[in-house]
Amino acid sequence: MKDCALLTVISGFAGSGKGSAMKGLLAKYPDTYALSVSATTRAPRPGEVDGREYFFVSDEAFEEKIRTGALLEHAGYVGHYYGTPRAYVEDNLAAGKDVLLEIEIQGALQIKKQFPAACLLFLTPPTAEELKRRLVGRGTEDEETIRKRLFRASEEADGIEQYDYLVVNDDLDTCVETIHRIIQSEKKRITRCLDTINTIREGVHAFSEI
């Protein structure tokens, strides 16, 4: 019997390696996961492609999506909007795909209200010093933006307890496999398998009628 589809929200500090972990999961398990592509009003970074990393839209277009209910969640982050398109998530869950959302903490808590069964993972580097080193090492942002991201990280750190799991990203391959094992184990929780349990129970009870 097939497991139920699971919605997993993955958050973490900027520089924690969320994007790399998602790419690793999709590369290793392409038939298992569907990654929801978020919409954002920030400009693309070098190498980013519209519709792959993000849907890059204007402030006006984003606000229209908010008004029409086309987003499951949305939030402001370091001067820009980010949000999750509704249709992609709902369609893939209905088709039995495990859906991954890579979003920040405000959006994650909005998702949890709409999908109480969602699994929330928080990704972090092993130390604060490593976090700063990764942000500086990316070379894609100026000093002021990095300062804002580190300040934001200090705020986000106070909300980690609202997540279900913490994953330390020290080695990417290990991190990818840890996330995969968590998701697949989470799908085996008794509370997520009630339909399967009831089917088996009905079959076993039939033996008592023989």
Protein backbone atom coordinates (compact mmCIF):
# COMPACT_ATOMS: atom_id res chain seq x y z
CA MET A 1 0.00 0.00 0.00
CA LYS A 2 1.27 3.42 -0.91
CA ASP A 3 2.16 5.95 1.81
CA CYS A 4 0.21 9.18 1.99
CA ALA A 5 1.82 12.22 0.36
CA LEU A 6 3.63 14.48 2.81
CA LEU A 7 4.14 18.23 2.71
CA THR A 8 7.54 19.12 4.16
CA VAL A 9 8.64 22.68 4.91
CA ILE A 10 12.38 23.29 5.04
CA SER A 11 13.60 26.55 6.53
CA GLY A 12 16.94 27.79 7.74
CA PHE A 13 19.24 30.74 8.01
CA ALA A 14 20.42 32.36 4.78
CA GLY A 15 23.65 30.50 4.06
CA SER A 16 22.54 27.26 5.70
CA GLY A 17 22.55 25.44 2.35
CA LYS A 18 18.81 24.99 1.85
CA GLY A 19 19.01 25.39 -1.92
CA SER A 20 21.89 22.95 -2.27
CA ALA A 21 20.11 20.41 -0.07
CA MET A 22 16.96 20.66 -2.19
CA LYS A 23 18.92 20.17 -5.40
CA GLY A 24 20.61 17.16 -3.82
CA LEU A 25 17.30 15.58 -2.84
CA LEU A 26 15.79 16.07 -6.29
CA ALA A 27 18.90 14.70 -8.00
CA LYS A 28 19.05 11.60 -5.81
CA TYR A 29 15.31 10.95 -5.53
CA PRO A 30 13.73 12.50 -8.65
CA ASP A 31 10.62 10.32 -8.56
CA THR A 32 9.92 10.91 -4.88
CA TYR A 33 9.87 14.66 -4.40
CA ALA A 34 8.33 17.73 -6.03
CA LEU A 35 9.92 21.05 -5.11
CA SER A 36 7.55 23.98 -5.04
CA VAL A 37 9.12 27.01 -6.72
CA SER A 38 8.44 30.19 -4.76
CA ALA A 39 7.64 33.59 -6.17
CA THR A 40 9.80 36.54 -5.13
CA THR A 41 10.23 40.21 -5.88
CA ARG A 42 14.01 40.17 -5.44
CA ALA A 43 16.28 40.28 -8.48
CA PRO A 44 17.83 37.04 -9.79
CA ARG A 45 21.36 36.22 -8.65
CA PRO A 46 23.96 35.20 -11.24
CA GLY A 47 23.01 31.82 -12.70
CA GLU A 48 19.43 31.83 -11.43
CA VAL A 49 16.68 31.15 -13.96
CA ASP A 50 13.07 32.34 -13.77
CA GLY A 51 10.82 29.37 -13.00
CA ARG A 52 13.68 27.21 -11.74
CA GLU A 53 15.06 28.85 -8.57
CA TYR A 54 12.15 31.30 -8.24
CA PHE A 55 9.40 32.97 -10.19
CA PHE A 56 10.78 36.51 -10.32
CA VAL A 57 7.89 39.00 -10.34
CA SER A 58 7.27 42.68 -9.72
CA ASP A 59 5.84 44.05 -6.49
CA GLU A 60 2.58 44.78 -8.31
CA ALA A 61 2.28 41.24 -9.68
CA PHE A 62 3.03 39.75 -6.28
CA GLU A 63 0.44 41.90 -4.55
CA GLU A 64 -2.13 40.80 -7.13
CA LYS A 65 -1.38 37.17 -6.24
CA ILE A 66 -2.03 38.01 -2.59
CA ARG A 67 -5.36 39.64 -3.44
CA THR A 68 -6.57 36.72 -5.57
CA GLY A 69 -5.58 34.01 -3.06
CA ALA A 70 -3.06 32.47 -5.45
CA LEU A 71 -0.48 32.08 -2.66
CA LEU A 72 -0.56 29.62 0.22
CA GLU A 73 1.68 31.88 2.25
CA HIS A 74 3.73 35.01 1.81
CA ALA A 75 6.13 37.10 3.85
CA GLY A 76 8.57 39.96 3.64
CA TYR A 77 12.28 39.21 4.00
CA VAL A 78 15.18 41.70 3.78
CA GLY A 79 13.11 44.15 1.75
CA HIS A 80 11.45 41.71 -0.65
CA TYR A 81 8.33 39.55 -0.89
CA TYR A 82 8.45 35.74 -1.00
CA GLY A 83 5.46 33.42 -1.40
CA THR A 84 4.30 29.90 -2.30
CA PRO A 85 1.98 29.36 -5.31
CA ARG A 86 -1.09 27.43 -4.17
CA ALA A 87 -1.94 25.33 -7.25
CA TYR A 88 1.40 23.52 -7.55
CA VAL A 89 1.37 22.32 -3.94
CA GLU A 90 -2.23 21.16 -3.90
CA ASP A 91 -2.02 19.44 -7.31
CA ASN A 92 1.12 17.47 -6.44
CA LEU A 93 -0.18 16.37 -3.05
CA ALA A 94 -3.37 15.18 -4.73
CA ALA A 95 -1.23 13.20 -7.20
CA GLY A 96 0.59 11.46 -4.33
CA LYS A 97 3.91 13.35 -4.57
CA ASP A 98 5.86 14.40 -1.48
CA VAL A 99 6.09 18.18 -1.80
CA LEU A 100 9.04 20.22 -0.51
CA LEU A 101 8.70 23.89 0.38
CA GLU A 102 11.88 25.91 0.93
CA ILE A 103 10.57 28.94 2.79
CA GLU A 104 11.43 31.13 5.78
CA ILE A 105 9.97 30.91 9.26
CA GLN A 106 7.01 33.31 8.84
CA GLY A 107 5.76 31.37 5.84
CA ALA A 108 6.41 28.02 7.50
CA LEU A 109 4.11 28.87 10.38
CA GLN A 110 1.42 30.04 7.94
CA ILE A 111 1.67 26.70 6.14
CA LYS A 112 1.39 24.81 9.44
CA LYS A 113 -1.93 26.55 10.14
CA GLN A 114 -3.35 25.50 6.75
CA PHE A 115 -1.73 22.03 6.75
CA PRO A 116 -1.44 20.88 10.38
CA ALA A 117 0.01 17.55 9.22
CA ALA A 118 2.94 19.25 7.47
CA CYS A 119 6.43 18.35 8.69
CA LEU A 120 8.71 21.30 9.51
CA LEU A 121 12.53 20.99 9.29
CA PHE A 122 15.03 23.68 10.23
CA LEU A 123 18.45 23.63 8.58
CA THR A 124 21.52 25.23 10.15
CA PRO A 125 25.31 25.30 9.71
CA PRO A 126 27.23 23.75 12.62
CA THR A 127 28.23 27.13 14.09
CA ALA A 128 27.37 30.84 13.85
CA GLU A 129 30.91 31.51 12.60
CA GLU A 130 30.40 29.06 9.74
CA LEU A 131 27.12 30.78 8.87
CA LYS A 132 28.88 34.12 8.49
CA ARG A 133 31.73 32.54 6.51
CA ARG A 134 29.27 31.03 4.02
CA LEU A 135 27.38 34.28 3.53
CA VAL A 136 30.58 36.22 2.87
CA GLY A 137 31.98 33.43 0.72
CA ARG A 138 29.02 33.44 -1.68
CA GLY A 139 30.22 36.78 -3.02
CA THR A 140 26.75 37.66 -4.30
CA GLU A 141 25.78 40.38 -1.80
CA ASP A 142 27.26 43.56 -0.41
CA GLU A 143 28.29 44.06 3.20
CA GLU A 144 25.05 45.79 4.17
CA THR A 145 22.88 42.94 2.82
CA ILE A 146 25.01 40.40 4.66
CA ARG A 147 24.61 42.42 7.84
CA LYS A 148 20.83 42.38 7.40
CA ARG A 149 20.83 38.61 6.83
CA LEU A 150 22.86 38.02 10.00
CA PHE A 151 20.50 40.26 11.96
CA ARG A 152 17.56 38.33 10.52
CA ALA A 153 19.23 35.08 11.55
CA SER A 154 19.36 36.30 15.14
CA GLU A 155 15.57 36.80 15.00
CA GLU A 156 14.93 33.44 13.34
CA ALA A 157 16.97 31.62 15.97
CA ASP A 158 14.27 32.40 18.53
CA GLY A 159 11.66 30.45 16.53
CA ILE A 160 13.49 27.18 15.92
CA GLU A 161 11.55 25.35 18.65
CA GLN A 162 8.38 25.67 16.57
CA TYR A 163 9.84 23.17 14.06
CA ASP A 164 9.64 19.38 14.25
CA TYR A 165 13.26 18.55 13.36
CA LEU A 166 16.67 20.23 13.36
CA VAL A 167 19.20 19.23 10.67
CA VAL A 168 22.81 20.39 10.92
CA ASN A 169 24.31 20.88 7.46
CA ASP A 170 28.00 20.17 7.97
CA ASP A 171 28.39 17.79 5.02
CA LEU A 172 25.94 18.18 2.12
CA ASP A 173 25.62 14.50 1.18
CA THR A 174 24.98 13.54 4.79
CA CYS A 175 22.49 16.40 5.14
CA VAL A 176 20.55 15.28 2.04
CA GLU A 177 20.31 11.70 3.28
CA THR A 178 19.28 12.84 6.77
CA ILE A 179 16.42 14.92 5.36
CA HIS A 180 15.29 12.01 3.18
CA ARG A 181 15.27 9.59 6.12
CA ILE A 182 13.34 12.02 8.31
CA ILE A 183 10.64 12.53 5.67
CA GLN A 184 10.24 8.86 4.88
CA SER A 185 10.15 7.92 8.59
CA GLU A 186 7.65 10.67 9.30
CA LYS A 187 5.29 9.12 6.74
CA LYS A 188 5.21 5.93 8.84
CA ARG A 189 3.73 7.65 11.90
CA ILE A 190 0.57 5.88 13.05
CA THR A 191 -1.46 9.09 12.74
CA ARG A 192 -0.51 9.34 9.05
CA CYS A 193 -1.39 5.73 8.25
CA LEU A 194 -4.96 5.49 9.48
CA ASP A 195 -6.42 4.54 6.08
CA THR A 196 -3.94 1.67 5.74
CA ILE A 197 -4.57 0.60 9.34
CA ASN A 198 -8.32 0.52 8.81
CA THR A 199 -7.97 -1.55 5.63
CA ILE A 200 -5.74 -4.10 7.37
CA ARG A 201 -7.98 -4.12 10.44
CA GLU A 202 -11.07 -4.88 8.35
CA GLY A 203 -9.27 -7.75 6.67
CA VAL A 204 -8.03 -9.24 9.94
CA HIS A 205 -11.44 -8.89 11.59
CA ALA A 206 -12.91 -10.88 8.70
CA PHE A 207 -10.96 -13.90 9.92
CA SER A 208 -13.05 -13.94 13.10
CA GLU A 209 -16.18 -14.41 10.99
CA ILE A 210 -14.96 -17.60 9.35
